Amino acid sequence: MGYERTKGKHEKHSWALFFQPFLWRSKEMVNVFLRKAKLVSQNQADGEKFRP
C-alpha cells in the first residue's frame, strides 16, 4: 500500500518536471500576447483620436 502511494507521488512529480518548460513557455507567450494586445489597443485608441 505504502509503495503504491510513493510510486504515484513520484510519477506526479516527474510529470510536473516534464511539463514545467511547457508551462513556463506558455506563461512567456501569454505575457508577450498581453503586451502586443496592449500595444494594439493603444494604437487603436490613437487611431480613434486622429480619425477625422
PDB file of N, CA and C in Angstrom:
ATOM      1  N   MET A   1       0.835  -1.203   0.000  1.00  0.00           N
ATOM      2  CA  MET A   1       0.000   0.000   0.000  1.00  0.00           C
ATOM      3  C   MET A   1       0.871   1.255   0.000  1.00  0.00           C
ATOM      4  N   GLY A   2       1.816   1.281   0.937  1.00  0.00           N
ATOM      5  CA  GLY A   2       2.690   2.446   1.028  1.00  0.00           C
ATOM      6  C   GLY A   2       3.521   2.626  -0.244  1.00  0.00           C
ATOM      7  N   TYR A   3       3.977   1.494  -0.807  1.00  0.00           N
ATOM      8  CA  TYR A   3       4.782   1.569  -2.023  1.00  0.00           C
ATOM      9  C   TYR A   3       3.997   2.211  -3.166  1.00  0.00           C
ATOM     10  N   GLU A   4       2.752   1.767  -3.328  1.00  0.00           N
ATOM     11  CA  GLU A   4       1.909   2.323  -4.393  1.00  0.00           C
ATOM     12  C   GLU A   4       1.764   3.836  -4.237  1.00  0.00           C
ATOM     13  N   ARG A   5       1.563   4.269  -2.996  1.00  0.00           N
ATOM     14  CA  ARG A   5       1.350   5.692  -2.752  1.00  0.00           C
ATOM     15  C   ARG A   5       2.594   6.488  -3.167  1.00  0.00           C
ATOM     16  N   THR A   6       3.788   6.027  -2.737  1.00  0.00           N
ATOM     17  CA  THR A   6       5.004   6.768  -3.074  1.00  0.00           C
ATOM     18  C   THR A   6       5.242   6.728  -4.583  1.00  0.00           C
ATOM     19  N   LYS A   7       4.942   5.583  -5.201  1.00  0.00           N
ATOM     20  CA  LYS A   7       5.121   5.469  -6.642  1.00  0.00           C
ATOM     21  C   LYS A   7       4.254   6.516  -7.361  1.00  0.00           C
ATOM     22  N   GLY A   8       2.988   6.632  -6.942  1.00  0.00           N
ATOM     23  CA  GLY A   8       2.098   7.616  -7.551  1.00  0.00           C
ATOM     24  C   GLY A   8       2.621   9.026  -7.365  1.00  0.00           C
ATOM     25  N   LYS A   9       3.120   9.311  -6.170  1.00  0.00           N
ATOM     26  CA  LYS A   9       3.630  10.651  -5.885  1.00  0.00           C
ATOM     27  C   LYS A   9       4.819  10.957  -6.806  1.00  0.00           C
ATOM     28  N   HIS A  10       5.708   9.966  -6.941  1.00  0.00           N
ATOM     29  CA  HIS A  10       6.892  10.173  -7.780  1.00  0.00           C
ATOM     30  C   HIS A  10       6.492  10.426  -9.232  1.00  0.00           C
ATOM     31  N   GLU A  11       5.521   9.655  -9.713  1.00  0.00           N
ATOM     32  CA  GLU A  11       5.076   9.837 -11.092  1.00  0.00           C
ATOM     33  C   GLU A  11       4.533  11.242 -11.287  1.00  0.00           C
ATOM     34  N   LYS A  12       3.739  11.705 -10.331  1.00  0.00           N
ATOM     35  CA  LYS A  12       3.162  13.045 -10.431  1.00  0.00           C
ATOM     36  C   LYS A  12       4.292  14.081 -10.504  1.00  0.00           C
ATOM     37  N   HIS A  13       5.327  13.876  -9.677  1.00  0.00           N
ATOM     38  CA  HIS A  13       6.441  14.817  -9.633  1.00  0.00           C
ATOM     39  C   HIS A  13       7.160  14.861 -10.982  1.00  0.00           C
ATOM     40  N   SER A  14       7.418  13.661 -11.557  1.00  0.00           N
ATOM     41  CA  SER A  14       8.125  13.628 -12.840  1.00  0.00           C
ATOM     42  C   SER A  14       7.271  14.277 -13.935  1.00  0.00           C
ATOM     43  N   TRP A  15       5.942  14.094 -13.847  1.00  0.00           N
ATOM     44  CA  TRP A  15       5.073  14.755 -14.828  1.00  0.00           C
ATOM     45  C   TRP A  15       5.187  16.268 -14.697  1.00  0.00           C
ATOM     46  N   ALA A  16       5.214  16.747 -13.451  1.00  0.00           N
ATOM     47  CA  ALA A  16       5.338  18.186 -13.214  1.00  0.00           C
ATOM     48  C   ALA A  16       6.644  18.693 -13.819  1.00  0.00           C
ATOM     49  N   LEU A  17       7.727  17.946 -13.601  1.00  0.00           N
ATOM     50  CA  LEU A  17       9.016  18.344 -14.157  1.00  0.00           C
ATOM     51  C   LEU A  17       8.955  18.357 -15.682  1.00  0.00           C
ATOM     52  N   PHE A  18       8.269  17.350 -16.238  1.00  0.00           N
ATOM     53  CA  PHE A  18       8.173  17.251 -17.689  1.00  0.00           C
ATOM     54  C   PHE A  18       7.409  18.440 -18.260  1.00  0.00           C
ATOM     55  N   PHE A  19       6.351  18.856 -17.558  1.00  0.00           N
ATOM     56  CA  PHE A  19       5.508  19.927 -18.095  1.00  0.00           C
ATOM     57  C   PHE A  19       6.012  21.328 -17.749  1.00  0.00           C
ATOM     58  N   GLN A  20       6.946  21.431 -16.794  1.00  0.00           N
ATOM     59  CA  GLN A  20       7.382  22.751 -16.344  1.00  0.00           C
ATOM     60  C   GLN A  20       7.859  23.644 -17.485  1.00  0.00           C
ATOM     61  N   PRO A  21       8.730  23.156 -18.393  1.00  0.00           N
ATOM     62  CA  PRO A  21       9.164  24.019 -19.505  1.00  0.00           C
ATOM     63  C   PRO A  21       7.993  24.501 -20.355  1.00  0.00           C
ATOM     64  N   PHE A  22       7.024  23.608 -20.587  1.00  0.00           N
ATOM     65  CA  PHE A  22       5.856  23.993 -21.382  1.00  0.00           C
ATOM     66  C   PHE A  22       5.070  25.085 -20.670  1.00  0.00           C
ATOM     67  N   LEU A  23       4.876  24.896 -19.378  1.00  0.00           N
ATOM     68  CA  LEU A  23       4.133  25.891 -18.595  1.00  0.00           C
ATOM     69  C   LEU A  23       4.858  27.220 -18.626  1.00  0.00           C
ATOM     70  N   TRP A  24       6.193  27.166 -18.429  1.00  0.00           N
ATOM     71  CA  TRP A  24       6.976  28.399 -18.426  1.00  0.00           C
ATOM     72  C   TRP A  24       6.872  29.086 -19.786  1.00  0.00           C
ATOM     73  N   ARG A  25       6.987  28.304 -20.844  1.00  0.00           N
ATOM     74  CA  ARG A  25       6.923  28.878 -22.189  1.00  0.00           C
ATOM     75  C   ARG A  25       5.544  29.485 -22.430  1.00  0.00           C
ATOM     76  N   SER A  26       4.499  28.777 -22.028  1.00  0.00           N
ATOM     77  CA  SER A  26       3.153  29.311 -22.261  1.00  0.00           C
ATOM     78  C   SER A  26       2.950  30.591 -21.457  1.00  0.00           C
ATOM     79  N   LYS A  27       3.544  30.660 -20.285  1.00  0.00           N
ATOM     80  CA  LYS A  27       3.452  31.887 -19.484  1.00  0.00           C
ATOM     81  C   LYS A  27       4.116  33.036 -20.237  1.00  0.00           C
ATOM     82  N   GLU A  28       5.301  32.754 -20.797  1.00  0.00           N
ATOM     83  CA  GLU A  28       6.004  33.762 -21.593  1.00  0.00           C
ATOM     84  C   GLU A  28       5.137  34.201 -22.771  1.00  0.00           C
ATOM     85  N   MET A  29       4.536  33.227 -23.452  1.00  0.00           N
ATOM     86  CA  MET A  29       3.694  33.530 -24.608  1.00  0.00           C
ATOM     87  C   MET A  29       2.537  34.434 -24.191  1.00  0.00           C
ATOM     88  N   VAL A  30       1.945  34.132 -23.047  1.00  0.00           N
ATOM     89  CA  VAL A  30       0.822  34.937 -22.563  1.00  0.00           C
ATOM     90  C   VAL A  30       1.293  36.365 -22.300  1.00  0.00           C
ATOM     91  N   ASN A  31       2.463  36.499 -21.678  1.00  0.00           N
ATOM     92  CA  ASN A  31       2.989  37.838 -21.407  1.00  0.00           C
ATOM     93  C   ASN A  31       3.207  38.612 -22.695  1.00  0.00           C
ATOM     94  N   VAL A  32       3.825  37.952 -23.679  1.00  0.00           N
ATOM     95  CA  VAL A  32       4.072  38.598 -24.966  1.00  0.00           C
ATOM     96  C   VAL A  32       2.751  38.985 -25.626  1.00  0.00           C
ATOM     97  N   PHE A  33       1.793  38.052 -25.567  1.00  0.00           N
ATOM     98  CA  PHE A  33       0.484  38.298 -26.178  1.00  0.00           C
ATOM     99  C   PHE A  33      -0.197  39.488 -25.518  1.00  0.00           C
ATOM    100  N   LEU A  34      -0.134  39.546 -24.193  1.00  0.00           N
ATOM    101  CA  LEU A  34      -0.764  40.665 -23.475  1.00  0.00           C
ATOM    102  C   LEU A  34      -0.089  41.981 -23.849  1.00  0.00           C
ATOM    103  N   ARG A  35       1.231  41.945 -23.954  1.00  0.00           N
ATOM    104  CA  ARG A  35       1.962  43.162 -24.309  1.00  0.00           C
ATOM    105  C   ARG A  35       1.538  43.629 -25.701  1.00  0.00           C
ATOM    106  N   LYS A  36       1.465  42.681 -26.655  1.00  0.00           N
ATOM    107  CA  LYS A  36       1.047  43.022 -28.017  1.00  0.00           C
ATOM    108  C   LYS A  36      -0.381  43.545 -28.027  1.00  0.00           C
ATOM    109  N   ALA A  37      -1.248  42.885 -27.260  1.00  0.00           N
ATOM    110  CA  ALA A  37      -2.647  43.303 -27.217  1.00  0.00           C
ATOM    111  C   ALA A  37      -2.748  44.727 -26.672  1.00  0.00           C
ATOM    112  N   LYS A  38      -1.933  45.030 -25.669  1.00  0.00           N
ATOM    113  CA  LYS A  38      -1.947  46.372 -25.085  1.00  0.00           C
ATOM    114  C   LYS A  38      -1.509  47.388 -26.136  1.00  0.00           C
ATOM    115  N   LEU A  39      -0.444  47.058 -26.872  1.00  0.00           N
ATOM    116  CA  LEU A  39       0.038  47.951 -27.924  1.00  0.00           C
ATOM    117  C   LEU A  39      -1.037  48.162 -28.980  1.00  0.00           C
ATOM    118  N   VAL A  40      -1.669  47.074 -29.395  1.00  0.00           N
ATOM    119  CA  VAL A  40      -2.699  47.169 -30.432  1.00  0.00           C
ATOM    120  C   VAL A  40      -3.845  48.048 -29.959  1.00  0.00           C
ATOM    121  N   SER A  41      -4.290  47.832 -28.719  1.00  0.00           N
ATOM    122  CA  SER A  41      -5.407  48.635 -28.214  1.00  0.00           C
ATOM    123  C   SER A  41      -4.988  50.102 -28.099  1.00  0.00           C
ATOM    124  N   GLN A  42      -3.731  50.349 -27.741  1.00  0.00           N
ATOM    125  CA  GLN A  42      -3.230  51.725 -27.669  1.00  0.00           C
ATOM    126  C   GLN A  42      -3.256  52.354 -29.058  1.00  0.00           C
ATOM    127  N   ASN A  43      -2.770  51.602 -30.046  1.00  0.00           N
ATOM    128  CA  ASN A  43      -2.768  52.106 -31.419  1.00  0.00           C
ATOM    129  C   ASN A  43      -4.182  52.386 -31.899  1.00  0.00           C
ATOM    130  N   GLN A  44      -5.109  51.505 -31.543  1.00  0.00           N
ATOM    131  CA  GLN A  44      -6.499  51.710 -31.945  1.00  0.00           C
ATOM    132  C   GLN A  44      -7.050  52.981 -31.302  1.00  0.00           C
ATOM    133  N   ALA A  45      -6.714  53.205 -30.038  1.00  0.00           N
ATOM    134  CA  ALA A  45      -7.185  54.414 -29.347  1.00  0.00           C
ATOM    135  C   ALA A  45      -6.608  55.649 -30.036  1.00  0.00           C
ATOM    136  N   ASP A  46      -5.318  55.588 -30.400  1.00  0.00           N
ATOM    137  CA  ASP A  46      -4.697  56.705 -31.104  1.00  0.00           C
ATOM    138  C   ASP A  46      -5.379  56.917 -32.449  1.00  0.00           C
ATOM    139  N   GLY A  47      -5.671  55.809 -33.136  1.00  0.00           N
ATOM    140  CA  GLY A  47      -6.356  55.892 -34.424  1.00  0.00           C
ATOM    141  C   GLY A  47      -7.706  56.572 -34.277  1.00  0.00           C
ATOM    142  N   GLU A  48      -8.407  56.259 -33.203  1.00  0.00           N
ATOM    143  CA  GLU A  48      -9.702  56.895 -32.964  1.00  0.00           C
ATOM    144  C   GLU A  48      -9.517  58.400 -32.807  1.00  0.00           C
ATOM    145  N   LYS A  49      -8.468  58.779 -32.099  1.00  0.00           N
ATOM    146  CA  LYS A  49      -8.210  60.202 -31.862  1.00  0.00           C
ATOM    147  C   LYS A  49      -7.978  60.935 -33.192  1.00  0.00           C
ATOM    148  N   PHE A  50      -7.160  60.304 -34.045  1.00  0.00           N
ATOM    149  CA  PHE A  50      -6.752  61.002 -35.267  1.00  0.00           C
ATOM    150  C   PHE A  50      -7.732  60.833 -36.422  1.00  0.00           C
ATOM    151  N   ARG A  51      -8.720  59.962 -36.225  1.00  0.00           N
ATOM    152  CA  ARG A  51      -9.670  59.749 -37.322  1.00  0.00           C
ATOM    153  C   ARG A  51     -10.533  61.002 -37.491  1.00  0.00           C
ATOM    154  N   PRO A  52     -10.681  61.509 -38.696  1.00  0.00           N
ATOM    155  CA  PRO A  52     -11.455  62.734 -38.904  1.00  0.00           C
ATOM    156  C   PRO A  52     -12.962  62.511 -38.692  1.00  0.00           C
TER     157      PRO A  52
END
